[in-house]
Amino acid sequence: MQKLLSLTALGLALSLGFSAHAAENTPAPTKQPSRMATCNKDAGEMKGDERQAFMKTCLSNKPATQQSKMKTCNADAAGKKGDERKAFMRECLKK
């Protein structure tokens, strides 16, 4: 009877220790929903491949690459010509 009681106590102690250890190792919740909302707002009227590339960069939380910046700025500069386009692209690519 004493062995059964000892084994039960040991089993209980191990299971409590394991659950406490597992709780310590759970990752903190991410800010994915708020990041998604911010990226969606920043994407504005973008569509198709341009939007997909922007969202991927935005959600990965990495700085935009020069190529993705160029693609986004190029799309935003549609309709501009000459010096106006050059000035717009210069400012857009600095961001």
N, C-alpha and C. Protein backbone atom coordinates (compact mmCIF):
# COMPACT_ATOMS: atom_id res chain seq x y z
N MET A 1 0.82 -1.19 0.00
CA MET A 1 0.00 0.00 0.00
C MET A 1 0.87 1.26 0.00
N GLN A 2 1.96 1.20 0.77
CA GLN A 2 2.85 2.34 0.84
C GLN A 2 3.53 2.58 -0.51
N LYS A 3 3.87 1.51 -1.24
CA LYS A 3 4.49 1.64 -2.56
C LYS A 3 3.52 2.31 -3.53
N LEU A 4 2.25 1.92 -3.48
CA LEU A 4 1.23 2.50 -4.35
C LEU A 4 1.07 3.98 -4.07
N LEU A 5 1.06 4.34 -2.81
CA LEU A 5 0.92 5.74 -2.43
C LEU A 5 2.16 6.53 -2.89
N SER A 6 3.34 5.94 -2.73
CA SER A 6 4.58 6.59 -3.15
C SER A 6 4.61 6.79 -4.67
N LEU A 7 4.21 5.76 -5.41
CA LEU A 7 4.18 5.86 -6.88
C LEU A 7 3.16 6.90 -7.34
N THR A 8 2.03 6.96 -6.68
CA THR A 8 1.02 7.95 -7.04
C THR A 8 1.54 9.36 -6.78
N ALA A 9 2.19 9.56 -5.63
CA ALA A 9 2.76 10.87 -5.30
C ALA A 9 3.85 11.25 -6.30
N LEU A 10 4.69 10.29 -6.65
CA LEU A 10 5.75 10.54 -7.62
C LEU A 10 5.16 10.91 -8.98
N GLY A 11 4.15 10.17 -9.41
CA GLY A 11 3.50 10.46 -10.68
C GLY A 11 2.87 11.85 -10.71
N LEU A 12 2.23 12.21 -9.62
CA LEU A 12 1.62 13.53 -9.50
C LEU A 12 2.67 14.63 -9.56
N ALA A 13 3.75 14.43 -8.83
CA ALA A 13 4.82 15.43 -8.80
C ALA A 13 5.44 15.60 -10.19
N LEU A 14 5.67 14.50 -10.89
CA LEU A 14 6.23 14.59 -12.23
C LEU A 14 5.29 15.27 -13.20
N SER A 15 4.01 14.95 -13.12
CA SER A 15 3.06 15.57 -14.05
C SER A 15 2.92 17.06 -13.78
N LEU A 16 2.94 17.48 -12.53
CA LEU A 16 2.87 18.91 -12.22
C LEU A 16 4.13 19.62 -12.68
N GLY A 17 5.26 18.99 -12.48
CA GLY A 17 6.52 19.57 -12.92
C GLY A 17 6.57 19.72 -14.43
N PHE A 18 6.06 18.73 -15.15
CA PHE A 18 6.06 18.77 -16.60
C PHE A 18 5.14 19.86 -17.12
N SER A 19 3.95 20.00 -16.53
CA SER A 19 3.02 21.02 -17.01
C SER A 19 3.54 22.42 -16.71
N ALA A 20 4.22 22.59 -15.58
CA ALA A 20 4.81 23.90 -15.27
C ALA A 20 5.92 24.22 -16.25
N HIS A 21 6.72 23.21 -16.60
CA HIS A 21 7.80 23.41 -17.56
C HIS A 21 7.23 23.73 -18.94
N ALA A 22 6.17 23.06 -19.33
CA ALA A 22 5.56 23.30 -20.64
C ALA A 22 4.99 24.71 -20.71
N ALA A 23 4.44 25.21 -19.62
CA ALA A 23 3.88 26.57 -19.60
C ALA A 23 4.97 27.61 -19.77
N GLU A 24 6.17 27.35 -19.25
CA GLU A 24 7.28 28.28 -19.39
C GLU A 24 7.75 28.38 -20.84
N ASN A 25 7.66 27.31 -21.60
CA ASN A 25 8.18 27.27 -22.96
C ASN A 25 7.18 27.68 -24.03
N THR A 26 5.97 28.04 -23.67
CA THR A 26 5.01 28.47 -24.69
C THR A 26 5.38 29.86 -25.14
N PRO A 27 5.41 30.08 -26.44
CA PRO A 27 5.79 31.39 -26.94
C PRO A 27 4.72 32.43 -26.64
N ALA A 28 5.15 33.66 -26.50
CA ALA A 28 4.21 34.75 -26.27
C ALA A 28 3.38 34.97 -27.53
N PRO A 29 2.15 35.39 -27.38
CA PRO A 29 1.32 35.62 -28.56
C PRO A 29 1.93 36.72 -29.43
N THR A 30 1.83 36.55 -30.73
CA THR A 30 2.41 37.53 -31.65
C THR A 30 1.43 38.66 -31.89
N LYS A 31 1.89 39.68 -32.52
CA LYS A 31 1.05 40.83 -32.83
C LYS A 31 0.57 40.75 -34.27
N GLN A 32 0.39 39.54 -34.76
CA GLN A 32 0.00 39.32 -36.15
C GLN A 32 -1.29 40.05 -36.54
N PRO A 33 -2.36 39.99 -35.74
CA PRO A 33 -3.59 40.68 -36.16
C PRO A 33 -3.40 42.19 -36.33
N SER A 34 -2.67 42.82 -35.41
CA SER A 34 -2.47 44.26 -35.55
C SER A 34 -1.53 44.57 -36.71
N ARG A 35 -0.56 43.70 -36.93
CA ARG A 35 0.35 43.90 -38.06
C ARG A 35 -0.40 43.75 -39.38
N MET A 36 -1.33 42.77 -39.43
CA MET A 36 -2.13 42.55 -40.63
C MET A 36 -2.99 43.79 -40.93
N ALA A 37 -3.60 44.35 -39.89
CA ALA A 37 -4.44 45.54 -40.08
C ALA A 37 -3.61 46.72 -40.59
N THR A 38 -2.43 46.90 -40.02
CA THR A 38 -1.57 48.00 -40.44
C THR A 38 -1.12 47.82 -41.89
N CYS A 39 -0.70 46.60 -42.23
CA CYS A 39 -0.24 46.34 -43.61
C CYS A 39 -1.38 46.51 -44.60
N ASN A 40 -2.57 46.05 -44.23
CA ASN A 40 -3.74 46.21 -45.10
C ASN A 40 -4.02 47.68 -45.37
N LYS A 41 -3.93 48.48 -44.31
CA LYS A 41 -4.17 49.92 -44.45
C LYS A 41 -3.11 50.54 -45.35
N ASP A 42 -1.85 50.17 -45.15
CA ASP A 42 -0.75 50.72 -45.93
C ASP A 42 -0.81 50.29 -47.40
N ALA A 43 -1.38 49.11 -47.66
CA ALA A 43 -1.47 48.62 -49.03
C ALA A 43 -2.44 49.45 -49.87
N GLY A 44 -3.39 50.06 -49.20
CA GLY A 44 -4.32 50.96 -49.89
C GLY A 44 -5.03 50.31 -51.06
N GLU A 45 -4.87 50.89 -52.23
CA GLU A 45 -5.58 50.45 -53.44
C GLU A 45 -4.76 49.48 -54.29
N MET A 46 -3.64 48.99 -53.78
CA MET A 46 -2.82 48.04 -54.56
C MET A 46 -3.62 46.79 -54.86
N LYS A 47 -3.33 46.18 -56.00
CA LYS A 47 -4.03 44.95 -56.39
C LYS A 47 -3.05 43.97 -57.00
N GLY A 48 -3.45 42.71 -57.02
CA GLY A 48 -2.71 41.66 -57.70
C GLY A 48 -1.33 41.39 -57.14
N ASP A 49 -0.38 41.20 -58.06
CA ASP A 49 0.99 40.85 -57.67
C ASP A 49 1.65 41.93 -56.84
N GLU A 50 1.34 43.18 -57.17
CA GLU A 50 1.93 44.29 -56.42
C GLU A 50 1.51 44.23 -54.95
N ARG A 51 0.21 44.01 -54.71
CA ARG A 51 -0.30 43.93 -53.34
C ARG A 51 0.29 42.72 -52.62
N GLN A 52 0.34 41.60 -53.32
CA GLN A 52 0.87 40.37 -52.72
C GLN A 52 2.33 40.57 -52.29
N ALA A 53 3.13 41.20 -53.14
CA ALA A 53 4.54 41.43 -52.82
C ALA A 53 4.66 42.39 -51.63
N PHE A 54 3.83 43.44 -51.64
CA PHE A 54 3.86 44.39 -50.54
C PHE A 54 3.47 43.73 -49.22
N MET A 55 2.39 42.96 -49.22
CA MET A 55 1.91 42.31 -48.00
C MET A 55 2.94 41.32 -47.46
N LYS A 56 3.58 40.59 -48.35
CA LYS A 56 4.59 39.62 -47.94
C LYS A 56 5.73 40.33 -47.21
N THR A 57 6.19 41.43 -47.79
CA THR A 57 7.28 42.19 -47.19
C THR A 57 6.84 42.81 -45.87
N CYS A 58 5.66 43.39 -45.88
CA CYS A 58 5.14 44.07 -44.69
C CYS A 58 4.95 43.09 -43.54
N LEU A 59 4.34 41.96 -43.81
CA LEU A 59 4.05 41.00 -42.75
C LEU A 59 5.28 40.26 -42.24
N SER A 60 6.31 40.17 -43.07
CA SER A 60 7.52 39.49 -42.62
C SER A 60 8.31 40.36 -41.66
N ASN A 61 7.90 41.62 -41.55
CA ASN A 61 8.51 42.55 -40.61
C ASN A 61 9.98 42.81 -40.92
N LYS A 62 10.34 42.63 -42.15
CA LYS A 62 11.69 42.92 -42.60
C LYS A 62 11.63 44.21 -43.42
N PRO A 63 12.70 44.95 -43.46
CA PRO A 63 12.68 46.14 -44.29
C PRO A 63 12.50 45.76 -45.76
N ALA A 64 11.83 46.61 -46.48
CA ALA A 64 11.57 46.35 -47.89
C ALA A 64 12.88 46.34 -48.67
N THR A 65 12.97 45.44 -49.62
CA THR A 65 14.16 45.39 -50.46
C THR A 65 14.07 46.50 -51.49
N GLN A 66 15.18 46.84 -52.08
CA GLN A 66 15.21 47.89 -53.09
C GLN A 66 14.30 47.52 -54.26
N GLN A 67 14.28 46.25 -54.61
CA GLN A 67 13.45 45.80 -55.73
C GLN A 67 11.96 45.99 -55.43
N SER A 68 11.54 45.63 -54.22
CA SER A 68 10.12 45.78 -53.89
C SER A 68 9.74 47.25 -53.76
N LYS A 69 10.67 48.08 -53.26
CA LYS A 69 10.42 49.52 -53.19
C LYS A 69 10.24 50.09 -54.60
N MET A 70 11.12 49.67 -55.50
CA MET A 70 11.08 50.16 -56.88
C MET A 70 9.75 49.78 -57.52
N LYS A 71 9.31 48.56 -57.29
CA LYS A 71 8.07 48.08 -57.87
C LYS A 71 6.88 48.90 -57.35
N THR A 72 6.85 49.12 -56.04
CA THR A 72 5.77 49.89 -55.43
C THR A 72 5.79 51.34 -55.90
N CYS A 73 6.96 51.96 -55.88
CA CYS A 73 7.07 53.36 -56.30
C CYS A 73 6.72 53.52 -57.77
N ASN A 74 7.14 52.57 -58.59
CA ASN A 74 6.83 52.61 -60.02
C ASN A 74 5.32 52.60 -60.24
N ALA A 75 4.63 51.76 -59.52
CA ALA A 75 3.17 51.68 -59.65
C ALA A 75 2.52 52.97 -59.18
N ASP A 76 3.03 53.54 -58.10
CA ASP A 76 2.48 54.80 -57.57
C ASP A 76 2.77 55.98 -58.50
N ALA A 77 3.83 55.90 -59.28
CA ALA A 77 4.22 57.00 -60.15
C ALA A 77 3.50 56.96 -61.51
N ALA A 78 2.60 56.02 -61.68
CA ALA A 78 1.87 55.91 -62.95
C ALA A 78 1.20 57.24 -63.28
N GLY A 79 1.39 57.70 -64.50
CA GLY A 79 0.78 58.94 -64.95
C GLY A 79 1.69 60.15 -64.81
N LYS A 80 2.75 60.03 -64.04
CA LYS A 80 3.69 61.14 -63.88
C LYS A 80 4.77 61.02 -64.95
N LYS A 81 5.28 62.18 -65.41
CA LYS A 81 6.32 62.16 -66.45
C LYS A 81 7.40 63.20 -66.14
N GLY A 82 8.55 62.97 -66.73
CA GLY A 82 9.65 63.93 -66.66
C GLY A 82 10.15 64.20 -65.26
N ASP A 83 10.36 65.50 -64.99
CA ASP A 83 10.92 65.92 -63.71
C ASP A 83 10.00 65.56 -62.53
N GLU A 84 8.70 65.63 -62.77
CA GLU A 84 7.74 65.29 -61.72
C GLU A 84 7.93 63.83 -61.29
N ARG A 85 8.09 62.94 -62.28
CA ARG A 85 8.29 61.52 -61.98
C ARG A 85 9.62 61.28 -61.26
N LYS A 86 10.68 61.94 -61.73
CA LYS A 86 12.00 61.79 -61.11
C LYS A 86 11.96 62.21 -59.65
N ALA A 87 11.34 63.35 -59.38
CA ALA A 87 11.26 63.85 -58.01
C ALA A 87 10.44 62.90 -57.14
N PHE A 88 9.33 62.41 -57.69
CA PHE A 88 8.49 61.48 -56.94
C PHE A 88 9.26 60.19 -56.62
N MET A 89 9.92 59.64 -57.62
CA MET A 89 10.66 58.38 -57.42
C MET A 89 11.79 58.57 -56.40
N ARG A 90 12.47 59.71 -56.47
CA ARG A 90 13.57 59.97 -55.54
C ARG A 90 13.05 59.96 -54.10
N GLU A 91 11.96 60.66 -53.86
CA GLU A 91 11.38 60.71 -52.51
C GLU A 91 10.82 59.36 -52.08
N CYS A 92 10.16 58.69 -53.00
CA CYS A 92 9.55 57.40 -52.68
C CYS A 92 10.61 56.36 -52.30
N LEU A 93 11.71 56.34 -53.02
CA LEU A 93 12.75 55.35 -52.76
C LEU A 93 13.57 55.65 -51.50
N LYS A 94 13.52 56.88 -51.02
CA LYS A 94 14.22 57.22 -49.78
C LYS A 94 13.55 56.62 -48.56
N LYS A 95 12.26 56.39 -48.64
CA LYS A 95 11.48 55.91 -47.48
C LYS A 95 11.91 54.54 -47.07
